[in-house]
Amino acid sequence: MHLYMRTRNLQGELMVSICDKECLGKIYREGKFTLKVTPQFYGDQLVPLEKAIAELKKATIANLVGEIIISECIKFGLVHKKGVIRINGIPHAQIITIK
């Protein structure tokens, strides 16, 4: 299983953005929310799920979109299911680690 991922260092923080393969390039809208899943933000390189989870465990900031990545993050205890919102049915979560 492969996902799109982009990592970047921002002012000493490791930000990881990951989305399911089928979400990249889509725009989801619901009410006042709009979620644009662009290659500029989520990356254009596919990585194995195992690598994505390993990077998330090191991240201080994360943005996640899609059924696969969200369910895996819940399974690994990285995201609580109550911390997930759905925009037009697509799950989205953010992780922020305070040092």
C-alpha atoms as a PDB file:
ATOM      1  CA  MET A   1       0.000   0.000   0.000  1.00  0.00           C
ATOM      2  CA  HIS A   2       1.407   3.398  -1.003  1.00  0.00           C
ATOM      3  CA  LEU A   3       0.522   6.964  -0.028  1.00  0.00           C
ATOM      4  CA  TYR A   4       1.611  10.420  -1.109  1.00  0.00           C
ATOM      5  CA  MET A   5       3.881  12.095   1.437  1.00  0.00           C
ATOM      6  CA  ARG A   6       5.853  15.293   1.754  1.00  0.00           C
ATOM      7  CA  THR A   7       8.141  16.179   4.649  1.00  0.00           C
ATOM      8  CA  ARG A   8       9.684  19.548   5.395  1.00  0.00           C
ATOM      9  CA  ASN A   9      11.486  21.295   8.203  1.00  0.00           C
ATOM     10  CA  LEU A  10       9.878  24.547   9.296  1.00  0.00           C
ATOM     11  CA  GLN A  11      11.597  26.599  11.981  1.00  0.00           C
ATOM     12  CA  GLY A  12      12.884  23.485  13.723  1.00  0.00           C
ATOM     13  CA  GLU A  13       9.646  21.522  13.349  1.00  0.00           C
ATOM     14  CA  LEU A  14       9.218  18.438  11.158  1.00  0.00           C
ATOM     15  CA  MET A  15       5.975  18.739   9.206  1.00  0.00           C
ATOM     16  CA  VAL A  16       4.666  15.640   7.450  1.00  0.00           C
ATOM     17  CA  SER A  17       1.738  15.754   5.027  1.00  0.00           C
ATOM     18  CA  ILE A  18       0.232  12.448   3.888  1.00  0.00           C
ATOM     19  CA  CYS A  19      -2.784  11.581   1.780  1.00  0.00           C
ATOM     20  CA  ASP A  20      -4.280   8.464   0.292  1.00  0.00           C
ATOM     21  CA  LYS A  21      -3.416   7.921  -3.357  1.00  0.00           C
ATOM     22  CA  GLU A  22      -6.968   8.553  -4.566  1.00  0.00           C
ATOM     23  CA  CYS A  23      -7.260  11.892  -2.721  1.00  0.00           C
ATOM     24  CA  LEU A  24      -4.388  13.719  -4.417  1.00  0.00           C
ATOM     25  CA  GLY A  25      -5.543  16.449  -6.785  1.00  0.00           C
ATOM     26  CA  LYS A  26      -9.067  16.631  -5.380  1.00  0.00           C
ATOM     27  CA  ILE A  27     -10.967  19.415  -3.659  1.00  0.00           C
ATOM     28  CA  TYR A  28     -13.469  18.524  -0.950  1.00  0.00           C
ATOM     29  CA  ARG A  29     -16.114  21.014   0.183  1.00  0.00           C
ATOM     30  CA  GLU A  30     -18.687  20.877   2.928  1.00  0.00           C
ATOM     31  CA  GLY A  31     -20.339  23.858   4.540  1.00  0.00           C
ATOM     32  CA  LYS A  32     -17.690  26.419   5.421  1.00  0.00           C
ATOM     33  CA  PHE A  33     -14.828  23.942   4.900  1.00  0.00           C
ATOM     34  CA  THR A  34     -12.731  23.480   1.768  1.00  0.00           C
ATOM     35  CA  LEU A  35      -9.897  20.958   1.671  1.00  0.00           C
ATOM     36  CA  LYS A  36      -7.551  21.135  -1.328  1.00  0.00           C
ATOM     37  CA  VAL A  37      -5.316  18.081  -1.593  1.00  0.00           C
ATOM     38  CA  THR A  38      -2.527  19.370  -3.829  1.00  0.00           C
ATOM     39  CA  PRO A  39       0.798  17.800  -4.827  1.00  0.00           C
ATOM     40  CA  GLN A  40       2.504  21.005  -3.685  1.00  0.00           C
ATOM     41  CA  PHE A  41       1.369  20.325  -0.116  1.00  0.00           C
ATOM     42  CA  TYR A  42       1.018  16.531   0.064  1.00  0.00           C
ATOM     43  CA  GLY A  43       3.853  15.654  -2.307  1.00  0.00           C
ATOM     44  CA  ASP A  44       4.054  13.880  -5.617  1.00  0.00           C
ATOM     45  CA  GLN A  45       6.049  10.807  -4.580  1.00  0.00           C
ATOM     46  CA  LEU A  46       4.402   7.593  -3.468  1.00  0.00           C
ATOM     47  CA  VAL A  47       5.869   5.942  -0.372  1.00  0.00           C
ATOM     48  CA  PRO A  48       5.054   2.650   1.357  1.00  0.00           C
ATOM     49  CA  LEU A  49       2.697   2.830   4.320  1.00  0.00           C
ATOM     50  CA  GLU A  50       5.491   1.682   6.652  1.00  0.00           C
ATOM     51  CA  LYS A  51       7.687   4.648   5.685  1.00  0.00           C
ATOM     52  CA  ALA A  52       4.792   7.072   6.122  1.00  0.00           C
ATOM     53  CA  ILE A  53       4.081   5.786   9.648  1.00  0.00           C
ATOM     54  CA  ALA A  54       7.792   5.938  10.552  1.00  0.00           C
ATOM     55  CA  GLU A  55       7.967   9.590   9.446  1.00  0.00           C
ATOM     56  CA  LEU A  56       4.771  10.426  11.335  1.00  0.00           C
ATOM     57  CA  LYS A  57       6.267   9.064  14.546  1.00  0.00           C
ATOM     58  CA  LYS A  58       9.084  11.649  14.198  1.00  0.00           C
ATOM     59  CA  ALA A  59       6.830  14.549  13.142  1.00  0.00           C
ATOM     60  CA  THR A  60       5.881  17.494  15.311  1.00  0.00           C
ATOM     61  CA  ILE A  61       3.200  18.638  12.845  1.00  0.00           C
ATOM     62  CA  ALA A  62       1.171  16.427  10.519  1.00  0.00           C
ATOM     63  CA  ASN A  63      -1.691  16.849   8.059  1.00  0.00           C
ATOM     64  CA  LEU A  64      -3.528  13.690   7.037  1.00  0.00           C
ATOM     65  CA  VAL A  65      -6.254  13.012   4.467  1.00  0.00           C
ATOM     66  CA  GLY A  66      -7.947   9.760   3.489  1.00  0.00           C
ATOM     67  CA  GLU A  67      -9.460   6.564   4.849  1.00  0.00           C
ATOM     68  CA  ILE A  68      -6.247   4.518   4.722  1.00  0.00           C
ATOM     69  CA  ILE A  69      -3.847   6.898   6.460  1.00  0.00           C
ATOM     70  CA  ILE A  70      -6.406   7.933   9.081  1.00  0.00           C
ATOM     71  CA  SER A  71      -7.357   4.345   9.953  1.00  0.00           C
ATOM     72  CA  GLU A  72      -3.681   3.357  10.215  1.00  0.00           C
ATOM     73  CA  CYS A  73      -2.933   6.353  12.446  1.00  0.00           C
ATOM     74  CA  ILE A  74      -5.823   5.412  14.721  1.00  0.00           C
ATOM     75  CA  LYS A  75      -4.556   1.810  14.828  1.00  0.00           C
ATOM     76  CA  PHE A  76      -1.041   2.977  15.817  1.00  0.00           C
ATOM     77  CA  GLY A  77      -2.376   5.431  18.413  1.00  0.00           C
ATOM     78  CA  LEU A  78      -1.161   8.513  16.523  1.00  0.00           C
ATOM     79  CA  VAL A  79      -4.664   9.956  16.114  1.00  0.00           C
ATOM     80  CA  HIS A  80      -7.756   9.528  18.272  1.00  0.00           C
ATOM     81  CA  LYS A  81     -10.933   8.783  16.316  1.00  0.00           C
ATOM     82  CA  LYS A  82     -12.649  11.770  17.994  1.00  0.00           C
ATOM     83  CA  GLY A  83      -9.919  13.998  16.519  1.00  0.00           C
ATOM     84  CA  VAL A  84     -10.964  13.202  12.954  1.00  0.00           C
ATOM     85  CA  ILE A  85     -13.283  15.442  10.969  1.00  0.00           C
ATOM     86  CA  ARG A  86     -14.967  14.527   7.699  1.00  0.00           C
ATOM     87  CA  ILE A  87     -15.263  16.934   4.830  1.00  0.00           C
ATOM     88  CA  ASN A  88     -17.675  15.661   2.215  1.00  0.00           C
ATOM     89  CA  GLY A  89     -17.156  12.177   3.684  1.00  0.00           C
ATOM     90  CA  ILE A  90     -13.329  12.236   3.507  1.00  0.00           C
ATOM     91  CA  PRO A  91     -11.496  11.949   6.854  1.00  0.00           C
ATOM     92  CA  HIS A  92      -8.953  14.634   7.785  1.00  0.00           C
ATOM     93  CA  ALA A  93      -6.828  15.009  10.906  1.00  0.00           C
ATOM     94  CA  GLN A  94      -3.956  17.126  12.104  1.00  0.00           C
ATOM     95  CA  ILE A  95      -1.306  16.294  14.678  1.00  0.00           C
ATOM     96  CA  ILE A  96       0.559  18.940  16.633  1.00  0.00           C
ATOM     97  CA  THR A  97       3.141  17.921  19.211  1.00  0.00           C
ATOM     98  CA  ILE A  98       4.048  20.546  21.786  1.00  0.00           C
ATOM     99  CA  LYS A  99       7.567  20.266  23.136  1.00  0.00           C
END
